[in-house]
Protein backbone atom coordinates (compact mmCIF):
# COMPACT_ATOMS: atom_id res chain seq x y z
CA UNK A 1 69.16 33.82 124.30
CA UNK A 2 67.21 30.60 126.79
CA UNK A 3 67.78 27.13 125.48
CA UNK A 4 65.13 24.47 126.04
CA UNK A 5 65.16 20.88 125.19
CA UNK A 6 63.06 19.61 122.32
CA UNK A 7 61.36 16.76 123.56
CA UNK A 8 62.76 13.27 122.45
CA UNK A 9 65.40 15.24 119.64
CA UNK A 10 67.54 15.16 122.67
CA UNK A 11 68.67 18.83 121.52
CA UNK A 12 68.41 21.83 122.61
CA UNK A 13 67.08 25.46 120.61
CA UNK A 14 66.17 28.85 121.22
CA UNK A 15 62.90 29.67 123.42
CA UNK A 16 62.43 31.81 120.54
CA UNK A 17 62.33 30.51 117.32
CA UNK A 18 61.92 31.55 113.35
CA UNK A 19 58.45 30.11 111.49
CA UNK A 20 59.72 30.37 107.80
CA UNK A 21 56.29 30.25 105.96
CA UNK A 22 56.23 34.23 105.25
CA UNK A 23 59.53 33.74 103.48
CA UNK A 24 58.08 31.00 100.73
CA UNK A 25 54.50 32.07 100.19
CA UNK A 26 50.87 32.96 101.39
CA UNK A 27 51.64 36.02 103.14
CA UNK A 28 52.42 38.41 99.95
CA UNK A 29 55.79 38.38 98.21
CA UNK A 30 59.59 38.37 99.95
CA UNK A 31 62.73 39.61 97.72
CA UNK A 32 65.86 36.66 98.51
CA UNK A 33 67.23 39.39 100.28
CA UNK A 34 65.47 40.29 102.20
CA UNK A 35 64.60 36.46 103.36
CA UNK A 36 68.03 36.11 103.78
CA UNK A 37 68.60 38.60 105.95
CA UNK A 38 65.56 37.79 107.81
CA UNK A 39 67.50 34.42 109.21
CA UNK A 40 70.91 36.21 109.15
CA UNK A 41 69.22 39.16 111.90
CA UNK A 42 67.51 35.88 114.23
CA UNK A 43 70.82 34.12 114.39
CA UNK A 44 72.21 37.34 115.31
CA UNK A 45 70.13 37.56 117.94
CA UNK A 46 70.41 34.39 119.22
CA UNK A 47 68.05 32.21 117.44
CA UNK A 48 68.94 28.45 116.95
CA UNK A 49 65.58 27.11 116.02
CA UNK A 50 64.08 27.72 111.93
CA UNK A 51 60.76 25.84 111.65
CA UNK A 52 59.77 25.60 107.71
CA UNK A 53 58.05 23.01 105.28
CA UNK A 54 58.50 21.84 102.15
CA UNK A 55 55.30 23.70 101.13
CA UNK A 56 56.36 26.73 101.81
CA UNK A 57 56.79 28.51 98.16
CA UNK A 58 57.11 25.10 96.81
CA UNK A 59 60.56 24.64 98.65
CA UNK A 60 61.64 28.31 98.40
CA UNK A 61 62.09 28.40 101.94
CA UNK A 62 63.84 25.25 102.11
CA UNK A 63 65.90 26.41 99.88
CA UNK A 64 66.68 30.02 101.23
CA UNK A 65 67.43 28.37 104.44
CA UNK A 66 69.83 26.00 102.92
CA UNK A 67 71.51 28.40 100.89
CA UNK A 68 72.04 30.62 103.75
CA UNK A 69 73.53 27.94 106.28
CA UNK A 70 76.11 27.28 103.34
CA UNK A 71 77.20 30.45 103.65
CA UNK A 72 76.99 30.58 107.81
CA UNK A 73 78.52 26.79 108.52
CA UNK A 74 78.91 28.07 112.15
CA UNK A 75 74.97 29.40 112.76
CA UNK A 76 74.92 26.23 114.57
CA UNK A 77 71.25 26.29 113.52
CA UNK A 78 68.55 23.44 114.04
CA UNK A 79 66.05 23.05 111.16
CA UNK A 80 62.97 21.27 111.47
CA UNK A 81 60.94 20.90 108.49
CA UNK A 82 57.66 19.35 107.98
CA UNK A 83 56.07 17.47 105.12
CA UNK A 84 53.04 15.94 103.11
CA UNK A 85 51.16 19.17 102.36
CA UNK A 86 52.26 19.04 98.36
CA UNK A 87 50.22 15.55 98.50
CA UNK A 88 46.48 15.29 98.32
CA UNK A 89 45.33 15.04 101.57
CA UNK A 90 44.44 11.25 101.50
CA UNK A 91 45.47 8.54 104.30
CA UNK A 92 46.76 6.27 102.01
CA UNK A 93 49.14 8.59 100.95
CA UNK A 94 51.44 8.33 104.16
CA UNK A 95 53.49 5.29 103.47
CA UNK A 96 56.96 4.57 103.35
CA UNK A 97 58.14 4.88 99.81
CA UNK A 98 56.39 8.47 99.79
CA UNK A 99 58.47 9.38 103.15
CA UNK A 100 61.53 8.56 101.32
CA UNK A 101 60.81 10.65 98.39
CA UNK A 102 59.67 13.69 100.44
CA UNK A 103 62.26 13.59 102.47
CA UNK A 104 65.28 13.03 99.88
CA UNK A 105 63.50 16.25 98.13
CA UNK A 106 64.04 18.31 101.45
CA UNK A 107 67.48 17.07 101.80
CA UNK A 108 68.23 18.26 98.92
CA UNK A 109 66.58 21.68 99.47
CA UNK A 110 68.52 22.24 102.22
CA UNK A 111 71.79 21.04 101.34
CA UNK A 112 72.00 18.46 104.34
CA UNK A 113 72.21 14.32 104.20
CA UNK A 114 70.32 13.70 107.40
CA UNK A 115 67.22 16.14 108.64
CA UNK A 116 67.26 17.20 112.18
CA UNK A 117 63.79 17.40 112.31
CA UNK A 118 60.85 16.23 109.87
CA UNK A 119 57.21 16.71 111.24
CA UNK A 120 54.11 15.60 109.67
CA UNK A 121 52.36 18.85 108.14
CA UNK A 122 48.65 18.96 110.04
CA UNK A 123 47.79 15.24 108.00
CA UNK A 124 44.14 13.41 108.34
CA UNK A 125 43.10 13.16 111.73
CA UNK A 126 43.32 9.56 111.33
CA UNK A 127 47.71 9.49 110.36
CA UNK A 128 48.43 10.38 113.83
CA UNK A 129 46.66 6.93 114.69
CA UNK A 130 48.41 4.99 112.54
CA UNK A 131 50.71 2.58 113.75
CA UNK A 132 52.21 1.80 110.39
CA UNK A 133 52.60 5.19 110.06
CA UNK A 134 54.81 5.92 112.55
CA UNK A 135 56.63 2.72 111.53
CA UNK A 136 57.57 3.99 108.35
CA UNK A 137 58.77 7.25 110.39
CA UNK A 138 61.19 5.10 112.34
CA UNK A 139 62.95 3.60 109.35
CA UNK A 140 63.33 6.95 107.83
CA UNK A 141 65.46 7.30 111.40
CA UNK A 142 66.62 3.64 111.06
CA UNK A 143 68.26 4.75 107.56
CA UNK A 144 69.53 8.07 109.15
CA UNK A 145 67.48 10.12 106.20
CA UNK A 146 66.31 11.92 109.45
CA UNK A 147 67.55 12.25 112.79
CA UNK A 148 63.87 12.56 114.61
CA UNK A 149 60.36 13.11 113.96
CA UNK A 150 57.33 14.57 115.16
CA UNK A 151 53.79 15.88 114.27
CA UNK A 152 52.33 19.38 113.03
CA UNK A 153 48.80 19.35 114.38
CA UNK A 154 45.50 21.22 114.14
CA UNK A 155 44.02 19.85 116.95
CA UNK A 156 44.57 18.73 120.58
CA UNK A 157 42.97 15.23 120.05
CA UNK A 158 45.34 15.01 117.22
CA UNK A 159 48.49 16.27 119.23
CA UNK A 160 47.00 13.49 122.36
CA UNK A 161 47.32 10.62 119.87
CA UNK A 162 50.59 11.56 118.06
CA UNK A 163 52.14 11.08 121.42
CA UNK A 164 51.21 8.19 122.60
CA UNK A 165 53.68 6.52 119.89
CA UNK A 166 57.11 6.25 121.67
CA UNK A 167 58.82 8.01 118.92
CA UNK A 168 57.35 10.88 118.34
CA UNK A 169 59.46 14.04 119.43
CA UNK A 170 57.84 17.02 119.24
CA UNK A 171 54.01 18.50 118.70
CA UNK A 172 53.85 21.68 116.96
CA UNK A 173 50.37 23.04 117.75
CA UNK A 174 48.73 26.76 117.70
CA UNK A 175 48.89 28.44 120.74
CA UNK A 176 48.89 31.86 122.39
CA UNK A 177 47.02 33.96 124.07
CA UNK A 178 43.71 33.33 121.66
CA UNK A 179 43.73 29.36 121.66
CA UNK A 180 44.26 28.16 125.43
CA UNK A 181 42.65 24.36 125.12
CA UNK A 182 46.48 23.36 124.36
CA UNK A 183 47.63 24.47 128.08
CA UNK A 184 44.66 22.05 129.49
CA UNK A 185 44.96 19.12 127.28
CA UNK A 186 48.06 18.79 126.06
CA UNK A 187 51.00 20.69 127.20
CA UNK A 188 50.67 18.55 130.71
CA UNK A 189 50.67 15.37 128.73
CA UNK A 190 53.43 15.60 126.57
CA UNK A 191 55.84 16.74 129.37
CA UNK A 192 55.56 13.46 131.04
CA UNK A 193 55.59 11.81 127.87
CA UNK A 194 58.82 14.05 127.36
CA UNK A 195 57.63 15.30 124.35
CA UNK A 196 58.47 18.78 123.22
CA UNK A 197 56.00 21.73 122.46
CA UNK A 198 56.48 23.77 119.34
CA UNK A 199 54.16 27.01 119.96
CA UNK A 200 53.09 28.30 116.20
CA UNK A 201 50.71 30.85 114.97
CA UNK A 202 51.84 32.48 118.00
CA UNK A 203 50.69 36.31 117.19
CA UNK A 204 46.90 34.71 115.62
CA UNK A 205 48.41 35.73 111.96
CA UNK A 206 49.46 38.60 113.33
CA UNK A 207 46.24 40.05 115.36
CA UNK A 208 48.31 40.18 118.48
CA UNK A 209 50.06 42.82 117.11
CA UNK A 210 47.89 45.51 117.53
CA UNK A 211 48.59 46.86 114.64
CA UNK A 212 45.41 45.71 112.64
CA UNK A 213 41.99 47.92 112.43
CA UNK A 214 38.83 46.38 111.13
CA UNK A 215 39.77 48.50 107.47
CA UNK A 216 43.25 46.82 107.08
CA UNK A 217 43.69 45.17 103.64
CA UNK A 218 45.67 42.34 103.17
CA UNK A 219 47.35 41.26 99.28
CA UNK A 220 45.12 38.98 97.51
CA UNK A 221 48.09 36.46 97.72
CA UNK A 222 48.18 37.27 101.82
CA UNK A 223 45.96 33.90 103.16
CA UNK A 224 44.51 36.36 105.56
CA UNK A 225 42.71 37.27 102.84
CA UNK A 226 41.10 34.15 100.92
CA UNK A 227 41.08 31.58 103.79
CA UNK A 228 39.49 33.54 106.07
CA UNK A 229 36.60 30.95 106.72
CA UNK A 230 39.04 27.97 105.34
CA UNK A 231 38.76 27.79 101.75
CA UNK A 232 42.12 27.01 100.66
CA UNK A 233 43.22 25.19 104.49
CA UNK A 234 42.25 24.97 108.19
CA UNK A 235 40.45 28.07 108.80
CA UNK A 236 42.55 27.74 111.67
CA UNK A 237 45.41 28.80 110.47
CA UNK A 238 44.81 32.12 109.67
CA UNK A 239 43.56 34.48 112.79
CA UNK A 240 43.56 31.36 114.94
CA UNK A 241 40.31 30.15 113.95
CA UNK A 242 38.96 34.39 114.91
CA UNK A 243 36.54 36.28 113.32
CA UNK A 244 38.69 39.08 111.85
CA UNK A 245 36.43 41.53 113.73
CA UNK A 246 36.37 39.80 117.23
CA UNK A 247 40.25 39.33 117.49
CA UNK A 248 40.81 43.24 116.36
CA UNK A 249 38.60 44.33 119.11
CA UNK A 250 40.01 41.23 121.44
CA UNK A 251 43.69 42.52 120.50
CA UNK A 252 43.24 45.85 121.17
CA UNK A 253 42.56 44.73 125.22
CA UNK A 254 45.44 42.34 124.88
CA UNK A 255 47.35 45.51 123.54
CA UNK A 256 46.93 47.55 127.17
CA UNK A 257 48.23 44.49 128.75
CA UNK A 258 51.26 45.03 127.62
CA UNK A 259 54.18 46.20 129.95
CA UNK A 260 55.99 49.09 129.69
CA UNK A 261 59.39 48.59 127.12
CA UNK A 262 57.08 45.92 125.57
CA UNK A 263 55.09 45.85 122.29
CA UNK A 264 51.85 43.79 122.10
CA UNK A 265 53.64 40.97 119.79
CA UNK A 266 56.40 40.31 122.76
CA UNK A 267 54.03 40.09 125.10
CA UNK A 268 52.10 37.75 123.65
CA UNK A 269 55.37 35.82 123.03
CA UNK A 270 56.49 36.36 126.54
CA UNK A 271 53.21 34.60 127.78
CA UNK A 272 54.24 31.36 125.54
CA UNK A 273 57.39 31.45 126.63
CA UNK A 274 56.29 30.93 130.01
CA UNK A 275 53.73 28.21 129.72
CA UNK A 276 55.19 24.66 130.93
CA UNK A 277 55.96 22.83 129.14
CA UNK A 278 56.84 24.74 125.46
CA UNK A 279 60.14 24.21 124.51
CA UNK A 280 60.43 27.15 121.84
CA UNK A 281 57.72 29.26 119.96
CA UNK A 282 58.14 30.08 116.12
CA UNK A 283 57.09 33.67 115.23
CA UNK A 284 57.71 34.20 111.75
CA UNK A 285 58.84 37.51 109.86
CA UNK A 286 59.28 39.76 106.95
CA UNK A 287 61.62 41.94 108.14
CA UNK A 288 64.95 41.68 110.10
CA UNK A 289 63.65 44.39 112.06
CA UNK A 290 60.78 41.76 112.57
CA UNK A 291 62.77 39.26 113.47
CA UNK A 292 65.06 41.10 115.79
CA UNK A 293 62.09 42.45 117.66
CA UNK A 294 60.69 39.00 118.06
CA UNK A 295 63.76 37.17 119.88
CA UNK A 296 63.83 40.37 121.90
CA UNK A 297 60.95 38.84 123.80
CA UNK A 298 62.93 36.12 124.69
CA UNK A 299 64.72 38.45 127.43
CA UNK A 300 61.47 40.15 129.02
CA UNK A 301 60.81 39.55 132.66
CA UNK A 302 58.11 36.79 133.33
CA UNK A 303 54.16 38.69 133.16
CA UNK A 304 52.82 38.75 136.54
CA UNK A 305 50.01 36.61 137.28
CA UNK A 306 47.75 39.62 137.35
CA UNK A 307 48.46 39.61 133.61
CA UNK A 308 47.67 36.06 132.87
CA UNK A 309 44.65 36.19 134.95
CA UNK A 310 43.22 38.78 132.08
CA UNK A 311 44.57 37.10 129.87
CA UNK A 312 42.59 34.20 130.33
CA UNK A 313 38.95 36.56 131.31
CA UNK A 314 39.85 38.11 127.84
CA UNK A 315 40.03 34.94 126.51
CA UNK A 316 36.85 33.53 128.59
CA UNK A 317 34.81 36.65 127.50
CA UNK A 318 35.91 37.09 123.71
CA UNK A 319 37.61 34.19 122.10
CA UNK A 320 36.72 31.04 123.80
CA UNK A 321 32.99 30.69 121.77
CA UNK A 322 34.58 30.57 118.46
CA UNK A 323 37.47 28.59 119.17
CA UNK A 324 37.60 26.26 122.14
CA UNK A 325 35.26 23.58 120.48
CA UNK A 326 36.48 22.95 117.17
CA UNK A 327 40.25 22.91 117.94
């Protein structure tokens, strides 16, 4: 699989990675054996980048990855984790002592001395502009608790604030055919600064798979049930902030753009891969089959200009009014 430089980390990662939120919580239960099968299938298909967080299953996702890497020391996987969402979302909590405690817990969960990449996990907006916060992150690097740091953001404005700090290696941001604002405001600025882009929520919480109808029901412990209006965390994390009915209708139109031999989900991933400045896209998977299908998107031919234009038209007509001004 194609490998791309992940910004200022100086490391290369697979252009399709694996997001592991599903393996922790908030998408319904996943058995440990099934989770390990997902990790193994991804690696077998060429994935060298796992993204996790200390809050996914309150550490379960990190622990599963740690177990897998102990059993597969030859896997050659770069692991990015995140910190900050287990604490009250107050800027006063983003201090060095807490960073040390949080990263020590992740190091233990993952079974490593030095974390490859730690990302601030969608903290309050003011954190991205705090010099003291980034000084503390630099200290973690100096102490070899972490090799590099980045941010995961909700908004383009937060991304632009974070990349002004010279130590920021990467920005993780929602980017998919239903979320185009980062193309206009973030990707070019990040590339100019040498900052990598990790594209998250690439399938708009599954909408872009084209599998859902207005009658689809999700489990009660699935965020697609309990966070549709931002009840638990930022609404943009669920269906990219698009109303479910609108999203289902738009997804049906997007599915019609899929080339022969590609699923709608693979088409969405291919669209992201070919956006200039993207280092890796991190779809999640609840089964080995999903992990393999996602990885296969890396081998698809580039989408033609006509398809790219159709995606833009669909966004402008169906989606823009709901999301563009918010994130």
